[in-house]
């Protein structure tokens, strides 16, 4: 019985998503910091003195975002848990009941997301993984409203032709095996529970009336 949690598998797409913003964020943070320092030191007369606080706030926000782009990908993973599948992004955690999972399958990214239907930014993201299989997770229905899915997850996480998810990880076979073990264990527990309820109901019905 797969009662123990499975391994955490990093969601590789987030590495590329955040890498795209890393250098621009650092440049913005350095530019605003330099301008703020020059203004409070009276090296320049622009912008106005009252804008110095906005410059420092902007530099702090850009600096924090840059640090988040460095460490955020470490927070993005998928993990089979004892009673659900956990899909963790840097800002959102999604729990998927094993009852929703129909099957898992290897996915050819080049066929699933044809280059002609991708934007240039999406094509740049996928080019790092297009030659390796991903794991397709087929569901009875999407775990969230489509608006929320698109808000918290990149489009390339969502299966384009059916309810489900596309998970790009280092070892899709290990994830598939662990996930299948947990799904089967959960179904076995449910079947055993149903048999017990059926047996109890049958005993009650078979008891003679007094």
C-alpha atoms as a PDB file:
ATOM      1  CA  UNK A   1       0.000   0.000   0.000  1.00  0.00           C
ATOM      2  CA  UNK A   2       1.439   3.378  -1.027  1.00  0.00           C
ATOM      3  CA  UNK A   3       0.787   5.176   2.261  1.00  0.00           C
ATOM      4  CA  UNK A   4       4.067   7.115   2.305  1.00  0.00           C
ATOM      5  CA  UNK A   5       4.603  10.317   0.389  1.00  0.00           C
ATOM      6  CA  UNK A   6       6.411  10.062  -2.925  1.00  0.00           C
ATOM      7  CA  UNK A   7       9.389  12.122  -4.043  1.00  0.00           C
ATOM      8  CA  UNK A   8       9.225  15.793  -4.875  1.00  0.00           C
ATOM      9  CA  UNK A   9       9.739  16.329  -8.581  1.00  0.00           C
ATOM     10  CA  UNK A  10      10.775  19.831  -9.632  1.00  0.00           C
ATOM     11  CA  UNK A  11       8.530  21.495 -12.204  1.00  0.00           C
ATOM     12  CA  UNK A  12      11.184  22.376 -14.752  1.00  0.00           C
ATOM     13  CA  UNK A  13       9.126  24.871 -16.720  1.00  0.00           C
ATOM     14  CA  UNK A  14       9.369  27.341 -13.846  1.00  0.00           C
ATOM     15  CA  UNK A  15      13.146  27.427 -14.227  1.00  0.00           C
ATOM     16  CA  UNK A  16      12.788  28.891 -17.689  1.00  0.00           C
ATOM     17  CA  UNK A  17       9.808  31.104 -16.837  1.00  0.00           C
ATOM     18  CA  UNK A  18      11.717  32.838 -14.057  1.00  0.00           C
ATOM     19  CA  UNK A  19      15.015  32.890 -15.903  1.00  0.00           C
ATOM     20  CA  UNK A  20      13.419  35.084 -18.560  1.00  0.00           C
ATOM     21  CA  UNK A  21      12.747  37.832 -16.021  1.00  0.00           C
ATOM     22  CA  UNK A  22      15.911  37.519 -13.952  1.00  0.00           C
ATOM     23  CA  UNK A  23      18.250  39.788 -15.905  1.00  0.00           C
ATOM     24  CA  UNK A  24      15.674  42.554 -16.581  1.00  0.00           C
ATOM     25  CA  UNK A  25      14.737  42.621 -12.892  1.00  0.00           C
ATOM     26  CA  UNK A  26      18.369  42.932 -11.841  1.00  0.00           C
ATOM     27  CA  UNK A  27      18.945  45.769 -14.307  1.00  0.00           C
ATOM     28  CA  UNK A  28      15.868  47.627 -13.083  1.00  0.00           C
ATOM     29  CA  UNK A  29      16.914  47.187  -9.447  1.00  0.00           C
ATOM     30  CA  UNK A  30      20.426  48.477 -10.160  1.00  0.00           C
ATOM     31  CA  UNK A  31      19.173  51.383 -12.269  1.00  0.00           C
ATOM     32  CA  UNK A  32      16.668  52.564  -9.668  1.00  0.00           C
ATOM     33  CA  UNK A  33      19.172  52.103  -6.848  1.00  0.00           C
ATOM     34  CA  UNK A  34      21.779  54.139  -8.717  1.00  0.00           C
ATOM     35  CA  UNK A  35      19.312  56.881  -9.523  1.00  0.00           C
ATOM     36  CA  UNK A  36      18.109  56.975  -5.917  1.00  0.00           C
ATOM     37  CA  UNK A  37      21.682  57.215  -4.619  1.00  0.00           C
ATOM     38  CA  UNK A  38      22.522  59.963  -7.109  1.00  0.00           C
ATOM     39  CA  UNK A  39      19.423  61.930  -6.132  1.00  0.00           C
ATOM     40  CA  UNK A  40      19.883  61.816  -2.351  1.00  0.00           C
ATOM     41  CA  UNK A  41      23.562  62.706  -2.816  1.00  0.00           C
ATOM     42  CA  UNK A  42      22.583  65.729  -4.937  1.00  0.00           C
ATOM     43  CA  UNK A  43      24.676  64.475  -7.831  1.00  0.00           C
ATOM     44  CA  UNK A  44      21.699  65.035 -10.098  1.00  0.00           C
ATOM     45  CA  UNK A  45      18.750  67.405  -9.892  1.00  0.00           C
ATOM     46  CA  UNK A  46      16.236  65.019 -11.430  1.00  0.00           C
ATOM     47  CA  UNK A  47      13.850  63.615 -10.409  1.00  0.00           C
ATOM     48  CA  UNK A  48      12.353  65.838  -7.754  1.00  0.00           C
ATOM     49  CA  UNK A  49      13.400  65.347  -4.164  1.00  0.00           C
ATOM     50  CA  UNK A  50       9.991  63.941  -3.265  1.00  0.00           C
ATOM     51  CA  UNK A  51      10.459  61.122  -5.773  1.00  0.00           C
ATOM     52  CA  UNK A  52      13.454  59.653  -3.930  1.00  0.00           C
ATOM     53  CA  UNK A  53      11.188  57.525  -1.774  1.00  0.00           C
ATOM     54  CA  UNK A  54       9.482  56.080  -4.842  1.00  0.00           C
ATOM     55  CA  UNK A  55      12.855  55.265  -6.370  1.00  0.00           C
ATOM     56  CA  UNK A  56      13.980  53.381  -3.261  1.00  0.00           C
ATOM     57  CA  UNK A  57      10.651  51.523  -3.078  1.00  0.00           C
ATOM     58  CA  UNK A  58      10.878  50.577  -6.739  1.00  0.00           C
ATOM     59  CA  UNK A  59      14.455  49.379  -6.285  1.00  0.00           C
ATOM     60  CA  UNK A  60      13.426  47.273  -3.286  1.00  0.00           C
ATOM     61  CA  UNK A  61      10.513  45.682  -5.161  1.00  0.00           C
ATOM     62  CA  UNK A  62      12.684  44.917  -8.197  1.00  0.00           C
ATOM     63  CA  UNK A  63      15.417  43.520  -5.941  1.00  0.00           C
ATOM     64  CA  UNK A  64      12.960  41.292  -4.107  1.00  0.00           C
ATOM     65  CA  UNK A  65      11.513  40.085  -7.407  1.00  0.00           C
ATOM     66  CA  UNK A  66      15.028  39.293  -8.619  1.00  0.00           C
ATOM     67  CA  UNK A  67      15.752  37.235  -5.486  1.00  0.00           C
ATOM     68  CA  UNK A  68      12.413  35.491  -5.911  1.00  0.00           C
ATOM     69  CA  UNK A  69      13.357  34.583  -9.480  1.00  0.00           C
ATOM     70  CA  UNK A  70      16.477  32.890  -8.070  1.00  0.00           C
ATOM     71  CA  UNK A  71      14.794  30.867  -5.335  1.00  0.00           C
ATOM     72  CA  UNK A  72      11.230  30.595  -6.659  1.00  0.00           C
ATOM     73  CA  UNK A  73      11.881  27.606  -8.939  1.00  0.00           C
ATOM     74  CA  UNK A  74      12.926  25.582  -5.882  1.00  0.00           C
ATOM     75  CA  UNK A  75       9.405  26.037  -4.533  1.00  0.00           C
ATOM     76  CA  UNK A  76       7.753  24.565  -7.639  1.00  0.00           C
ATOM     77  CA  UNK A  77       7.269  20.805  -7.516  1.00  0.00           C
ATOM     78  CA  UNK A  78       4.779  17.973  -7.864  1.00  0.00           C
ATOM     79  CA  UNK A  79       4.547  15.262  -5.209  1.00  0.00           C
ATOM     80  CA  UNK A  80       2.296  12.225  -4.738  1.00  0.00           C
ATOM     81  CA  UNK A  81       1.070  12.485  -1.145  1.00  0.00           C
ATOM     82  CA  UNK A  82      -0.668   9.790   0.859  1.00  0.00           C
ATOM     83  CA  UNK A  83      -4.164  11.029   0.032  1.00  0.00           C
ATOM     84  CA  UNK A  84      -3.728  13.515  -2.831  1.00  0.00           C
ATOM     85  CA  UNK A  85      -1.394  14.795  -5.506  1.00  0.00           C
ATOM     86  CA  UNK A  86       0.242  18.074  -4.519  1.00  0.00           C
ATOM     87  CA  UNK A  87       1.079  20.546  -7.261  1.00  0.00           C
ATOM     88  CA  UNK A  88       3.089  23.381  -5.736  1.00  0.00           C
ATOM     89  CA  UNK A  89       3.958  26.544  -7.622  1.00  0.00           C
ATOM     90  CA  UNK A  90       5.946  29.453  -6.144  1.00  0.00           C
ATOM     91  CA  UNK A  91       2.709  31.239  -5.221  1.00  0.00           C
ATOM     92  CA  UNK A  92      -0.053  28.619  -5.200  1.00  0.00           C
ATOM     93  CA  UNK A  93      -0.612  25.074  -3.915  1.00  0.00           C
ATOM     94  CA  UNK A  94      -3.098  22.825  -5.677  1.00  0.00           C
ATOM     95  CA  UNK A  95      -4.326  19.554  -4.171  1.00  0.00           C
ATOM     96  CA  UNK A  96      -5.725  17.037  -6.645  1.00  0.00           C
ATOM     97  CA  UNK A  97      -7.813  14.154  -5.339  1.00  0.00           C
ATOM     98  CA  UNK A  98      -6.777  10.749  -6.647  1.00  0.00           C
ATOM     99  CA  UNK A  99     -10.433  10.188  -7.530  1.00  0.00           C
ATOM    100  CA  UNK A 100     -10.042  12.779 -10.288  1.00  0.00           C
ATOM    101  CA  UNK A 101      -7.102  10.988 -11.920  1.00  0.00           C
ATOM    102  CA  UNK A 102      -8.067   8.795 -14.863  1.00  0.00           C
ATOM    103  CA  UNK A 103      -4.616   7.835 -16.159  1.00  0.00           C
ATOM    104  CA  UNK A 104      -1.063   8.967 -16.780  1.00  0.00           C
ATOM    105  CA  UNK A 105       0.768   8.845 -20.101  1.00  0.00           C
ATOM    106  CA  UNK A 106       4.011  10.004 -21.705  1.00  0.00           C
ATOM    107  CA  UNK A 107       3.571  13.183 -23.725  1.00  0.00           C
ATOM    108  CA  UNK A 108       5.495  14.291 -26.787  1.00  0.00           C
ATOM    109  CA  UNK A 109       5.724  18.037 -26.266  1.00  0.00           C
ATOM    110  CA  UNK A 110       6.429  18.811 -29.919  1.00  0.00           C
ATOM    111  CA  UNK A 111       3.200  17.097 -30.991  1.00  0.00           C
ATOM    112  CA  UNK A 112       1.108  18.318 -28.074  1.00  0.00           C
ATOM    113  CA  UNK A 113       2.167  21.936 -28.560  1.00  0.00           C
ATOM    114  CA  UNK A 114       2.917  22.424 -32.290  1.00  0.00           C
ATOM    115  CA  UNK A 115       5.316  25.295 -32.915  1.00  0.00           C
ATOM    116  CA  UNK A 116       2.831  26.957 -35.269  1.00  0.00           C
ATOM    117  CA  UNK A 117       0.379  27.404 -32.383  1.00  0.00           C
ATOM    118  CA  UNK A 118       2.905  28.814 -29.903  1.00  0.00           C
ATOM    119  CA  UNK A 119       3.974  32.364 -29.346  1.00  0.00           C
ATOM    120  CA  UNK A 120       7.682  33.085 -29.636  1.00  0.00           C
ATOM    121  CA  UNK A 121       7.961  33.320 -25.858  1.00  0.00           C
ATOM    122  CA  UNK A 122       6.265  29.936 -25.408  1.00  0.00           C
ATOM    123  CA  UNK A 123       8.455  28.354 -28.075  1.00  0.00           C
ATOM    124  CA  UNK A 124      11.567  29.629 -26.267  1.00  0.00           C
ATOM    125  CA  UNK A 125      10.333  28.087 -23.034  1.00  0.00           C
ATOM    126  CA  UNK A 126       9.673  24.668 -24.586  1.00  0.00           C
ATOM    127  CA  UNK A 127      12.823  24.413 -26.683  1.00  0.00           C
ATOM    128  CA  UNK A 128      14.785  23.297 -23.614  1.00  0.00           C
ATOM    129  CA  UNK A 129      12.474  20.288 -23.076  1.00  0.00           C
ATOM    130  CA  UNK A 130      10.941  19.548 -26.452  1.00  0.00           C
ATOM    131  CA  UNK A 131      13.153  16.475 -26.975  1.00  0.00           C
ATOM    132  CA  UNK A 132      12.239  14.808 -23.678  1.00  0.00           C
ATOM    133  CA  UNK A 133       8.910  13.221 -22.706  1.00  0.00           C
ATOM    134  CA  UNK A 134       6.634  14.900 -20.200  1.00  0.00           C
ATOM    135  CA  UNK A 135       3.982  13.282 -18.043  1.00  0.00           C
ATOM    136  CA  UNK A 136       0.368  13.763 -19.068  1.00  0.00           C
ATOM    137  CA  UNK A 137      -2.144  13.604 -16.240  1.00  0.00           C
ATOM    138  CA  UNK A 138      -5.659  12.882 -17.513  1.00  0.00           C
ATOM    139  CA  UNK A 139      -8.436  13.982 -15.148  1.00  0.00           C
ATOM    140  CA  UNK A 140     -12.172  13.514 -14.962  1.00  0.00           C
ATOM    141  CA  UNK A 141     -12.415  17.312 -14.877  1.00  0.00           C
ATOM    142  CA  UNK A 142     -10.107  20.228 -14.250  1.00  0.00           C
ATOM    143  CA  UNK A 143      -9.417  20.769 -10.528  1.00  0.00           C
ATOM    144  CA  UNK A 144     -10.088  24.509 -10.745  1.00  0.00           C
ATOM    145  CA  UNK A 145     -12.210  26.890 -12.764  1.00  0.00           C
ATOM    146  CA  UNK A 146     -10.448  27.621 -16.105  1.00  0.00           C
ATOM    147  CA  UNK A 147      -9.991  31.277 -15.137  1.00  0.00           C
ATOM    148  CA  UNK A 148      -8.147  30.312 -11.939  1.00  0.00           C
ATOM    149  CA  UNK A 149      -6.052  27.713 -13.736  1.00  0.00           C
ATOM    150  CA  UNK A 150      -4.903  30.293 -16.276  1.00  0.00           C
ATOM    151  CA  UNK A 151      -4.286  32.794 -13.481  1.00  0.00           C
ATOM    152  CA  UNK A 152      -2.023  30.560 -11.379  1.00  0.00           C
ATOM    153  CA  UNK A 153      -0.541  28.209 -14.001  1.00  0.00           C
ATOM    154  CA  UNK A 154       1.250  28.766 -17.271  1.00  0.00           C
ATOM    155  CA  UNK A 155      -0.704  27.705 -20.364  1.00  0.00           C
ATOM    156  CA  UNK A 156       1.879  25.013 -21.103  1.00  0.00           C
ATOM    157  CA  UNK A 157       0.864  23.214 -17.889  1.00  0.00           C
ATOM    158  CA  UNK A 158      -2.629  22.575 -19.243  1.00  0.00           C
ATOM    159  CA  UNK A 159      -3.459  19.769 -21.657  1.00  0.00           C
ATOM    160  CA  UNK A 160      -4.873  21.415 -24.804  1.00  0.00           C
ATOM    161  CA  UNK A 161      -7.160  18.579 -25.910  1.00  0.00           C
ATOM    162  CA  UNK A 162      -8.700  17.152 -22.717  1.00  0.00           C
ATOM    163  CA  UNK A 163      -9.102  17.856 -18.994  1.00  0.00           C
ATOM    164  CA  UNK A 164      -5.649  17.350 -17.573  1.00  0.00           C
ATOM    165  CA  UNK A 165      -2.168  18.658 -16.897  1.00  0.00           C
ATOM    166  CA  UNK A 166       1.227  18.409 -18.569  1.00  0.00           C
ATOM    167  CA  UNK A 167       4.055  17.953 -16.053  1.00  0.00           C
ATOM    168  CA  UNK A 168       7.634  18.530 -17.237  1.00  0.00           C
ATOM    169  CA  UNK A 169       9.962  16.867 -14.728  1.00  0.00           C
ATOM    170  CA  UNK A 170      13.394  15.255 -14.778  1.00  0.00           C
ATOM    171  CA  UNK A 171      12.175  11.672 -14.278  1.00  0.00           C
ATOM    172  CA  UNK A 172       8.631  11.345 -15.604  1.00  0.00           C
ATOM    173  CA  UNK A 173       8.732   7.525 -15.346  1.00  0.00           C
ATOM    174  CA  UNK A 174       9.448   7.583 -11.607  1.00  0.00           C
ATOM    175  CA  UNK A 175       6.708  10.128 -11.049  1.00  0.00           C
ATOM    176  CA  UNK A 176       4.286   8.040 -13.113  1.00  0.00           C
ATOM    177  CA  UNK A 177       5.101   4.881 -11.141  1.00  0.00           C
ATOM    178  CA  UNK A 178       4.744   6.591  -7.778  1.00  0.00           C
ATOM    179  CA  UNK A 179       1.520   8.250  -8.837  1.00  0.00           C
ATOM    180  CA  UNK A 180       0.073   4.985 -10.159  1.00  0.00           C
ATOM    181  CA  UNK A 181       0.943   3.233  -6.876  1.00  0.00           C
ATOM    182  CA  UNK A 182      -0.869   5.890  -4.866  1.00  0.00           C
ATOM    183  CA  UNK A 183      -3.895   5.916  -7.156  1.00  0.00           C
ATOM    184  CA  UNK A 184      -4.221   2.120  -7.014  1.00  0.00           C
ATOM    185  CA  UNK A 185      -3.761   2.095  -3.241  1.00  0.00           C
ATOM    186  CA  UNK A 186      -6.443   4.739  -2.862  1.00  0.00           C
ATOM    187  CA  UNK A 187      -8.826   2.817  -5.098  1.00  0.00           C
ATOM    188  CA  UNK A 188      -8.121  -0.349  -3.123  1.00  0.00           C
ATOM    189  CA  UNK A 189      -8.966   1.428   0.115  1.00  0.00           C
ATOM    190  CA  UNK A 190     -12.172   2.755  -1.414  1.00  0.00           C
ATOM    191  CA  UNK A 191     -13.153  -0.706  -2.695  1.00  0.00           C
ATOM    192  CA  UNK A 192     -12.513  -2.241   0.720  1.00  0.00           C
ATOM    193  CA  UNK A 193     -14.585   0.461   2.373  1.00  0.00           C
ATOM    194  CA  UNK A 194     -17.425  -0.146  -0.107  1.00  0.00           C
ATOM    195  CA  UNK A 195     -17.317  -3.902   0.562  1.00  0.00           C
ATOM    196  CA  UNK A 196     -17.518  -3.328   4.303  1.00  0.00           C
ATOM    197  CA  UNK A 197     -20.502  -1.040   3.924  1.00  0.00           C
ATOM    198  CA  UNK A 198     -22.182  -3.527   1.586  1.00  0.00           C
ATOM    199  CA  UNK A 199     -21.563  -6.403   4.011  1.00  0.00           C
ATOM    200  CA  UNK A 200     -22.909  -4.397   6.921  1.00  0.00           C
ATOM    201  CA  UNK A 201     -25.999  -3.445   4.939  1.00  0.00           C
ATOM    202  CA  UNK A 202     -26.524  -7.060   3.860  1.00  0.00           C
ATOM    203  CA  UNK A 203     -26.291  -8.281   7.468  1.00  0.00           C
ATOM    204  CA  UNK A 204     -28.851  -5.719   8.575  1.00  0.00           C
ATOM    205  CA  UNK A 205     -31.253  -6.692   5.798  1.00  0.00           C
ATOM    206  CA  UNK A 206     -30.837 -10.395   6.494  1.00  0.00           C
ATOM    207  CA  UNK A 207     -31.658 -10.121  10.205  1.00  0.00           C
ATOM    208  CA  UNK A 208     -35.172 -11.444  10.931  1.00  0.00           C
ATOM    209  CA  UNK A 209     -37.754  -9.036  12.205  1.00  0.00           C
ATOM    210  CA  UNK A 210     -38.678  -9.533  15.830  1.00  0.00           C
END
